Amino acid sequence: MSELIYTLSQPFKVKGRRKLGIKEFIFTLTLDLKWFNPTEAKAIVQIGLENELLKREGETLIACFDPTQVNPPIDFKPTAKLLTTGKQTLFEKILDQIIIQTGIEKRELIAAINKNQDTLSKLVEINVSALIVGIEHGADIKDLIETAYQELTDPNPPI
C-alpha cells in the first residue's frame, strides 16, 4: 500500500502545502504529474478518503499524514493496479504509518518484520510483529495497537 501513500503525498509536495482544493489535487495528478486521467484521479481521491489518508472539508483535501516525511523512490510512478485498491488491511496501515513516521523503506521494514517473526518463532500474529518493529523504530502507532487488539480479541472475525 506504500504506492497509495506515495501517490497521495506527491500533489501536496508539488504544491508545498498540506491542504489542497479537490480540483487542484486532481489537476496535479493529471496535468502536472501526468499519472492519471481525471476520472482515475477522482478514484484515487476516493481511495485516499476511504483509507483515512485524506480528509475532506468542503472542497478541500487535507493530508492525514505529513507529506514531507514520505520519500518515494526517485523513479516512482503509480501503477494501474492502484486504481483497484480497496480498503487497507491493518497490516498495510501499520506499514504505512511506520514508513511515514520513520522514513524506513518498505523492503527494509518488511525484512525487519520477517526477522522479528522468526525471532519470536512465529508465535505472534504478523500485525503484532509489525507493531513491535514499529515501536522499536520510534513510530507512534498507539491507535493501531488498539485496533490490532480489537481484531485479535474479536469473537466473530470476518471470514
Protein backbone atom coordinates (compact mmCIF):
# COMPACT_ATOMS: atom_id res chain seq x y z
CA MET A 1 0.00 0.00 0.00
CA SER A 2 3.03 2.27 0.06
CA GLU A 3 2.17 3.01 -3.54
CA LEU A 4 -1.01 4.73 -2.34
CA ILE A 5 0.76 6.84 0.28
CA TYR A 6 3.48 7.74 -2.23
CA THR A 7 0.84 8.77 -4.77
CA LEU A 8 -1.23 10.79 -2.32
CA SER A 9 1.77 12.64 -0.96
CA GLN A 10 3.01 13.94 -4.30
CA PRO A 11 0.36 16.62 -5.04
CA PHE A 12 0.91 18.08 -1.57
CA LYS A 13 4.68 18.03 -2.07
CA VAL A 14 4.46 19.56 -5.55
CA LYS A 15 2.31 22.41 -4.25
CA GLY A 16 4.18 22.71 -0.94
CA ARG A 17 1.04 22.61 1.18
CA ARG A 18 -0.81 20.16 3.42
CA LYS A 19 -4.24 21.35 2.21
CA LEU A 20 -5.32 21.47 -1.41
CA GLY A 21 -8.57 22.08 -3.21
CA ILE A 22 -10.00 18.89 -4.63
CA LYS A 23 -9.74 20.21 -8.19
CA GLU A 24 -6.16 21.36 -7.60
CA PHE A 25 -5.27 17.89 -6.25
CA ILE A 26 -6.84 16.21 -9.30
CA PHE A 27 -5.19 18.66 -11.71
CA THR A 28 -1.82 17.98 -10.11
CA LEU A 29 -2.22 14.22 -10.56
CA THR A 30 -3.38 14.63 -14.16
CA LEU A 31 -1.65 17.69 -15.62
CA ASP A 32 1.46 18.28 -13.52
CA LEU A 33 2.46 14.69 -12.81
CA LYS A 34 0.70 13.13 -15.85
CA TRP A 35 -0.07 9.99 -13.84
CA PHE A 36 -3.83 9.67 -14.35
CA ASN A 37 -6.74 10.92 -16.36
CA PRO A 38 -9.32 13.00 -14.42
CA THR A 39 -11.63 10.03 -13.74
CA GLU A 40 -8.76 7.96 -12.39
CA ALA A 41 -7.52 10.87 -10.26
CA LYS A 42 -11.00 11.21 -8.72
CA ALA A 43 -10.89 7.49 -7.92
CA ILE A 44 -7.51 7.98 -6.19
CA VAL A 45 -9.04 10.75 -4.07
CA GLN A 46 -11.88 8.42 -3.09
CA ILE A 47 -9.46 5.63 -2.19
CA GLY A 48 -7.47 8.09 -0.07
CA LEU A 49 -10.65 9.18 1.75
CA GLU A 50 -11.82 5.58 2.32
CA ASN A 51 -8.46 4.67 3.81
CA GLU A 52 -8.47 7.77 6.02
CA LEU A 53 -5.26 9.07 4.48
CA LEU A 54 -7.14 12.13 3.24
CA LYS A 55 -9.80 14.17 4.97
CA ARG A 56 -12.32 16.31 3.14
CA GLU A 57 -13.50 19.67 4.43
CA GLY A 58 -15.90 21.15 1.90
CA GLU A 59 -13.93 21.40 -1.35
CA THR A 60 -10.56 20.98 0.38
CA LEU A 61 -8.47 17.84 0.86
CA ILE A 62 -6.23 17.61 3.90
CA ALA A 63 -3.44 15.07 4.25
CA CYS A 64 -3.88 12.96 7.39
CA PHE A 65 -0.12 12.42 7.38
CA ASP A 66 2.92 14.61 6.89
CA PRO A 67 3.65 14.51 3.14
CA THR A 68 7.16 15.86 3.74
CA GLN A 69 8.01 12.65 5.60
CA VAL A 70 7.06 10.43 2.63
CA ASN A 71 10.01 9.76 0.35
CA PRO A 72 9.09 7.64 -2.65
CA PRO A 73 11.84 6.25 -4.86
CA ILE A 74 13.14 8.80 -7.37
CA ASP A 75 11.68 6.87 -10.32
CA PHE A 76 8.30 6.29 -8.62
CA LYS A 77 5.24 6.22 -10.82
CA PRO A 78 1.97 4.62 -9.66
CA THR A 79 0.69 1.55 -11.47
CA ALA A 80 -2.83 0.95 -12.77
CA LYS A 81 -3.23 -1.65 -10.01
CA LEU A 82 -3.58 1.23 -7.54
CA LEU A 83 -6.99 2.05 -9.01
CA THR A 84 -8.35 -1.32 -7.89
CA THR A 85 -7.09 -0.90 -4.34
CA GLY A 86 -9.74 -1.36 -1.72
CA LYS A 87 -9.66 -0.61 1.97
CA GLN A 88 -6.27 -1.14 3.56
CA THR A 89 -5.70 -4.11 5.79
CA LEU A 90 -4.45 -3.45 9.30
CA PHE A 91 -1.01 -4.71 8.25
CA GLU A 92 -0.90 -2.20 5.38
CA LYS A 93 -1.93 0.62 7.73
CA ILE A 94 0.82 -0.35 10.16
CA LEU A 95 3.40 -0.44 7.34
CA ASP A 96 2.33 2.94 6.00
CA GLN A 97 2.43 4.59 9.42
CA ILE A 98 5.90 3.24 10.14
CA ILE A 99 7.15 4.33 6.71
CA ILE A 100 5.65 7.80 7.11
CA GLN A 101 6.99 8.31 10.62
CA THR A 102 10.43 6.77 10.29
CA GLY A 103 11.36 7.02 6.63
CA ILE A 104 12.31 3.34 6.54
CA GLU A 105 11.97 1.86 3.07
CA LYS A 106 9.24 -0.73 2.64
CA ARG A 107 11.62 -3.53 1.68
CA GLU A 108 13.79 -2.92 4.75
CA LEU A 109 10.73 -2.72 7.00
CA ILE A 110 9.26 -6.00 5.77
CA ALA A 111 12.65 -7.69 6.23
CA ALA A 112 12.73 -6.44 9.85
CA ILE A 113 9.18 -7.70 10.45
CA ASN A 114 10.04 -11.11 8.99
CA LYS A 115 13.18 -11.28 11.13
CA ASN A 116 11.09 -10.41 14.20
CA GLN A 117 8.61 -13.15 13.25
CA ASP A 118 11.46 -15.65 13.07
CA THR A 119 12.89 -14.45 16.39
CA LEU A 120 9.51 -14.96 18.02
CA SER A 121 9.19 -18.41 16.39
CA LYS A 122 6.05 -17.18 14.58
CA LEU A 123 4.16 -17.30 17.89
CA VAL A 124 2.54 -13.90 17.30
CA GLU A 125 0.37 -12.56 14.51
CA ILE A 126 2.16 -10.68 11.74
CA ASN A 127 0.35 -7.49 12.80
CA VAL A 128 1.77 -7.79 16.30
CA SER A 129 5.24 -8.37 14.91
CA ALA A 130 4.88 -5.28 12.71
CA LEU A 131 3.73 -3.21 15.70
CA ILE A 132 6.76 -4.36 17.70
CA VAL A 133 9.12 -3.36 14.89
CA GLY A 134 7.36 -0.01 14.54
CA ILE A 135 7.68 0.75 18.24
CA GLU A 136 11.34 -0.30 18.19
CA HIS A 137 11.90 2.26 15.42
CA GLY A 138 10.11 5.01 17.35
CA ALA A 139 6.82 5.14 15.40
CA ASP A 140 3.81 6.48 17.29
CA ILE A 141 1.26 3.79 16.44
CA LYS A 142 -0.79 3.62 19.64
CA ASP A 143 -4.09 3.86 17.76
CA LEU A 144 -3.14 0.85 15.64
CA ILE A 145 -2.23 -1.16 18.73
CA GLU A 146 -5.81 -0.76 19.93
CA THR A 147 -7.14 -1.77 16.52
CA ALA A 148 -4.90 -4.86 16.49
CA TYR A 149 -6.06 -5.78 19.98
CA GLN A 150 -9.71 -5.49 18.92
CA GLU A 151 -9.01 -7.62 15.85
CA LEU A 152 -7.24 -10.29 17.94
CA THR A 153 -9.99 -10.48 20.55
CA ASP A 154 -12.98 -10.33 18.20
CA PRO A 155 -15.03 -13.48 18.85
CA ASN A 156 -16.54 -13.27 15.33
CA PRO A 157 -13.69 -12.34 12.97
CA PRO A 158 -14.56 -11.70 9.32
CA ILE A 159 -14.10 -14.68 7.04
